[in-house]
Amino acid sequence: MLLLDGGERSGAYYLVGYAVECGLKACLTKDLQAYQMPDRELSKGFIHDIAKLAQFAQLDGARGLNAQADYDFALNWNVVINWNEESRYTDWTETQAKELYEAVTDGNHGVLPWLRTFW
């Protein structure tokens, strides 16, 4: 919120989306032990695509069920999947940055609180 309050809307947009990416990667790697070589299949996670990371983390089913039960979560997910690594090169409006921030952080329907239940 500090970036948004400081007028850094594009930086806020990019970084809040990156938080979701990191959350998904936490779900992908939760079973790895220190110094353990990851399975070759895990290298699929070396991407920045939110929807594909959710698939690789095997969260599509849970996400779909949650979206059916929680319309606001479904709306938030649809906002979040539009983020990508190229977002850092776009000049986002304050409205767009706040919309993504709320979609990610909403305590009852946000994507990040939902992801935390899986890592």
C-alpha atoms as a PDB file:
ATOM      1  CA  MET A   1       0.000   0.000   0.000  1.00  0.00           C
ATOM      2  CA  LEU A   2       2.974   2.275   0.588  1.00  0.00           C
ATOM      3  CA  LEU A   3       3.761   2.359  -3.130  1.00  0.00           C
ATOM      4  CA  LEU A   4       0.156   3.180  -3.995  1.00  0.00           C
ATOM      5  CA  ASP A   5      -0.017   5.904  -1.375  1.00  0.00           C
ATOM      6  CA  GLY A   6       3.223   7.339  -2.751  1.00  0.00           C
ATOM      7  CA  GLY A   7       1.877   7.517  -6.303  1.00  0.00           C
ATOM      8  CA  GLU A   8       3.971   4.593  -7.529  1.00  0.00           C
ATOM      9  CA  ARG A   9       0.981   2.829  -9.061  1.00  0.00           C
ATOM     10  CA  SER A  10       2.892   0.924 -11.747  1.00  0.00           C
ATOM     11  CA  GLY A  11       5.450  -0.363  -9.254  1.00  0.00           C
ATOM     12  CA  ALA A  12       2.652  -1.372  -6.912  1.00  0.00           C
ATOM     13  CA  TYR A  13       0.827  -3.184  -9.710  1.00  0.00           C
ATOM     14  CA  TYR A  14       3.890  -5.126 -10.724  1.00  0.00           C
ATOM     15  CA  LEU A  15       5.009  -6.076  -7.224  1.00  0.00           C
ATOM     16  CA  VAL A  16       1.616  -7.172  -5.935  1.00  0.00           C
ATOM     17  CA  GLY A  17       1.259  -9.486  -8.938  1.00  0.00           C
ATOM     18  CA  TYR A  18       4.734 -10.793  -8.274  1.00  0.00           C
ATOM     19  CA  ALA A  19       3.626 -11.628  -4.717  1.00  0.00           C
ATOM     20  CA  VAL A  20       1.010 -13.977  -6.196  1.00  0.00           C
ATOM     21  CA  GLU A  21       3.646 -15.557  -8.414  1.00  0.00           C
ATOM     22  CA  CYS A  22       5.859 -16.118  -5.376  1.00  0.00           C
ATOM     23  CA  GLY A  23       2.923 -17.585  -3.458  1.00  0.00           C
ATOM     24  CA  LEU A  24       2.256 -20.050  -6.247  1.00  0.00           C
ATOM     25  CA  LYS A  25       5.934 -21.001  -6.355  1.00  0.00           C
ATOM     26  CA  ALA A  26       5.823 -21.528  -2.587  1.00  0.00           C
ATOM     27  CA  CYS A  27       2.993 -23.992  -3.181  1.00  0.00           C
ATOM     28  CA  LEU A  28       5.055 -25.724  -5.865  1.00  0.00           C
ATOM     29  CA  THR A  29       8.098 -26.131  -3.645  1.00  0.00           C
ATOM     30  CA  LYS A  30       6.528 -26.707  -0.233  1.00  0.00           C
ATOM     31  CA  ASP A  31       7.635 -30.330  -0.076  1.00  0.00           C
ATOM     32  CA  LEU A  32      11.287 -29.710  -0.960  1.00  0.00           C
ATOM     33  CA  GLN A  33      13.841 -30.216   1.774  1.00  0.00           C
ATOM     34  CA  ALA A  34      16.936 -28.073   2.210  1.00  0.00           C
ATOM     35  CA  TYR A  35      19.668 -29.034  -0.276  1.00  0.00           C
ATOM     36  CA  GLN A  36      17.324 -31.407  -2.083  1.00  0.00           C
ATOM     37  CA  MET A  37      17.570 -31.413  -5.864  1.00  0.00           C
ATOM     38  CA  PRO A  38      14.105 -30.729  -7.231  1.00  0.00           C
ATOM     39  CA  ASP A  39      12.452 -33.177  -9.566  1.00  0.00           C
ATOM     40  CA  ARG A  40      12.980 -32.248 -13.198  1.00  0.00           C
ATOM     41  CA  GLU A  41       9.217 -31.780 -13.511  1.00  0.00           C
ATOM     42  CA  LEU A  42       9.455 -28.881 -11.069  1.00  0.00           C
ATOM     43  CA  SER A  43      11.393 -26.873 -13.638  1.00  0.00           C
ATOM     44  CA  LYS A  44       8.031 -26.164 -15.292  1.00  0.00           C
ATOM     45  CA  GLY A  45       7.623 -23.655 -12.493  1.00  0.00           C
ATOM     46  CA  PHE A  46      10.375 -21.444 -13.908  1.00  0.00           C
ATOM     47  CA  ILE A  47       7.767 -19.236 -15.575  1.00  0.00           C
ATOM     48  CA  HIS A  48       5.804 -16.134 -14.696  1.00  0.00           C
ATOM     49  CA  ASP A  49       2.343 -17.192 -15.911  1.00  0.00           C
ATOM     50  CA  ILE A  50      -0.159 -17.150 -13.020  1.00  0.00           C
ATOM     51  CA  ALA A  51      -2.639 -19.559 -14.634  1.00  0.00           C
ATOM     52  CA  LYS A  52       0.056 -22.079 -15.606  1.00  0.00           C
ATOM     53  CA  LEU A  53       1.690 -21.890 -12.183  1.00  0.00           C
ATOM     54  CA  ALA A  54      -1.678 -22.665 -10.591  1.00  0.00           C
ATOM     55  CA  GLN A  55      -1.927 -25.717 -12.866  1.00  0.00           C
ATOM     56  CA  PHE A  56       1.597 -26.882 -12.046  1.00  0.00           C
ATOM     57  CA  ALA A  57       0.875 -26.445  -8.320  1.00  0.00           C
ATOM     58  CA  GLN A  58      -2.223 -28.611  -8.848  1.00  0.00           C
ATOM     59  CA  LEU A  59      -4.503 -25.879  -7.559  1.00  0.00           C
ATOM     60  CA  ASP A  60      -6.884 -25.647 -10.519  1.00  0.00           C
ATOM     61  CA  GLY A  61      -9.476 -27.924  -8.925  1.00  0.00           C
ATOM     62  CA  ALA A  62      -9.384 -26.147  -5.578  1.00  0.00           C
ATOM     63  CA  ARG A  63      -9.452 -22.775  -7.295  1.00  0.00           C
ATOM     64  CA  GLY A  64     -12.450 -23.781  -9.377  1.00  0.00           C
ATOM     65  CA  LEU A  65     -14.347 -25.022  -6.349  1.00  0.00           C
ATOM     66  CA  ASN A  66     -13.556 -21.874  -4.409  1.00  0.00           C
ATOM     67  CA  ALA A  67     -14.596 -19.708  -7.355  1.00  0.00           C
ATOM     68  CA  GLN A  68     -17.939 -21.544  -7.569  1.00  0.00           C
ATOM     69  CA  ALA A  69     -18.572 -21.060  -3.868  1.00  0.00           C
ATOM     70  CA  ASP A  70     -17.258 -17.481  -3.674  1.00  0.00           C
ATOM     71  CA  TYR A  71     -18.228 -15.127  -6.488  1.00  0.00           C
ATOM     72  CA  ASP A  72     -15.962 -12.350  -5.163  1.00  0.00           C
ATOM     73  CA  PHE A  73     -12.976 -14.701  -5.180  1.00  0.00           C
ATOM     74  CA  ALA A  74     -13.800 -15.619  -8.784  1.00  0.00           C
ATOM     75  CA  LEU A  75     -13.815 -11.941  -9.733  1.00  0.00           C
ATOM     76  CA  ASN A  76     -10.520 -11.402  -7.913  1.00  0.00           C
ATOM     77  CA  TRP A  77      -8.913 -14.383  -9.633  1.00  0.00           C
ATOM     78  CA  ASN A  78      -9.960 -12.973 -13.011  1.00  0.00           C
ATOM     79  CA  VAL A  79      -8.219  -9.709 -12.175  1.00  0.00           C
ATOM     80  CA  VAL A  80      -5.066 -11.463 -10.997  1.00  0.00           C
ATOM     81  CA  ILE A  81      -4.593 -13.749 -14.009  1.00  0.00           C
ATOM     82  CA  ASN A  82      -4.233 -10.691 -16.234  1.00  0.00           C
ATOM     83  CA  TRP A  83      -0.942  -9.854 -14.502  1.00  0.00           C
ATOM     84  CA  ASN A  84       2.283 -10.949 -16.151  1.00  0.00           C
ATOM     85  CA  GLU A  85       5.989 -10.232 -15.901  1.00  0.00           C
ATOM     86  CA  GLU A  86       5.744  -7.634 -18.662  1.00  0.00           C
ATOM     87  CA  SER A  87       3.504  -5.571 -16.370  1.00  0.00           C
ATOM     88  CA  ARG A  88       6.549  -3.677 -15.181  1.00  0.00           C
ATOM     89  CA  TYR A  89       6.789  -1.966 -18.569  1.00  0.00           C
ATOM     90  CA  THR A  90       3.227  -0.614 -18.526  1.00  0.00           C
ATOM     91  CA  ASP A  91       2.020   2.642 -17.013  1.00  0.00           C
ATOM     92  CA  TRP A  92      -0.909   1.453 -14.880  1.00  0.00           C
ATOM     93  CA  THR A  93      -3.594   3.789 -13.627  1.00  0.00           C
ATOM     94  CA  GLU A  94      -4.249   4.226  -9.938  1.00  0.00           C
ATOM     95  CA  THR A  95      -7.593   2.462 -10.406  1.00  0.00           C
ATOM     96  CA  GLN A  96      -5.959  -0.555 -12.054  1.00  0.00           C
ATOM     97  CA  ALA A  97      -3.278  -0.789  -9.389  1.00  0.00           C
ATOM     98  CA  LYS A  98      -5.822  -0.566  -6.562  1.00  0.00           C
ATOM     99  CA  GLU A  99      -8.039  -3.154  -8.231  1.00  0.00           C
ATOM    100  CA  LEU A 100      -5.172  -5.642  -8.419  1.00  0.00           C
ATOM    101  CA  TYR A 101      -4.048  -4.834  -4.885  1.00  0.00           C
ATOM    102  CA  GLU A 102      -7.552  -5.479  -3.526  1.00  0.00           C
ATOM    103  CA  ALA A 103      -7.958  -8.659  -5.597  1.00  0.00           C
ATOM    104  CA  VAL A 104      -4.754 -10.020  -4.115  1.00  0.00           C
ATOM    105  CA  THR A 105      -5.036  -8.854  -0.501  1.00  0.00           C
ATOM    106  CA  ASP A 106      -8.762  -8.893   0.330  1.00  0.00           C
ATOM    107  CA  GLY A 107      -8.939 -10.733   3.652  1.00  0.00           C
ATOM    108  CA  ASN A 108     -12.125 -12.638   2.823  1.00  0.00           C
ATOM    109  CA  HIS A 109     -11.936 -13.158  -0.942  1.00  0.00           C
ATOM    110  CA  GLY A 110      -8.355 -12.363  -1.959  1.00  0.00           C
ATOM    111  CA  VAL A 111      -6.069 -14.586  -3.955  1.00  0.00           C
ATOM    112  CA  LEU A 112      -3.093 -14.389  -1.590  1.00  0.00           C
ATOM    113  CA  PRO A 113      -5.013 -15.353   1.584  1.00  0.00           C
ATOM    114  CA  TRP A 114      -6.455 -18.292  -0.371  1.00  0.00           C
ATOM    115  CA  LEU A 115      -2.986 -19.330  -1.583  1.00  0.00           C
ATOM    116  CA  ARG A 116      -1.596 -19.241   1.954  1.00  0.00           C
ATOM    117  CA  THR A 117      -3.783 -22.209   2.828  1.00  0.00           C
ATOM    118  CA  PHE A 118      -1.757 -24.341   0.407  1.00  0.00           C
ATOM    119  CA  TRP A 119       1.852 -23.604   1.315  1.00  0.00           C
END
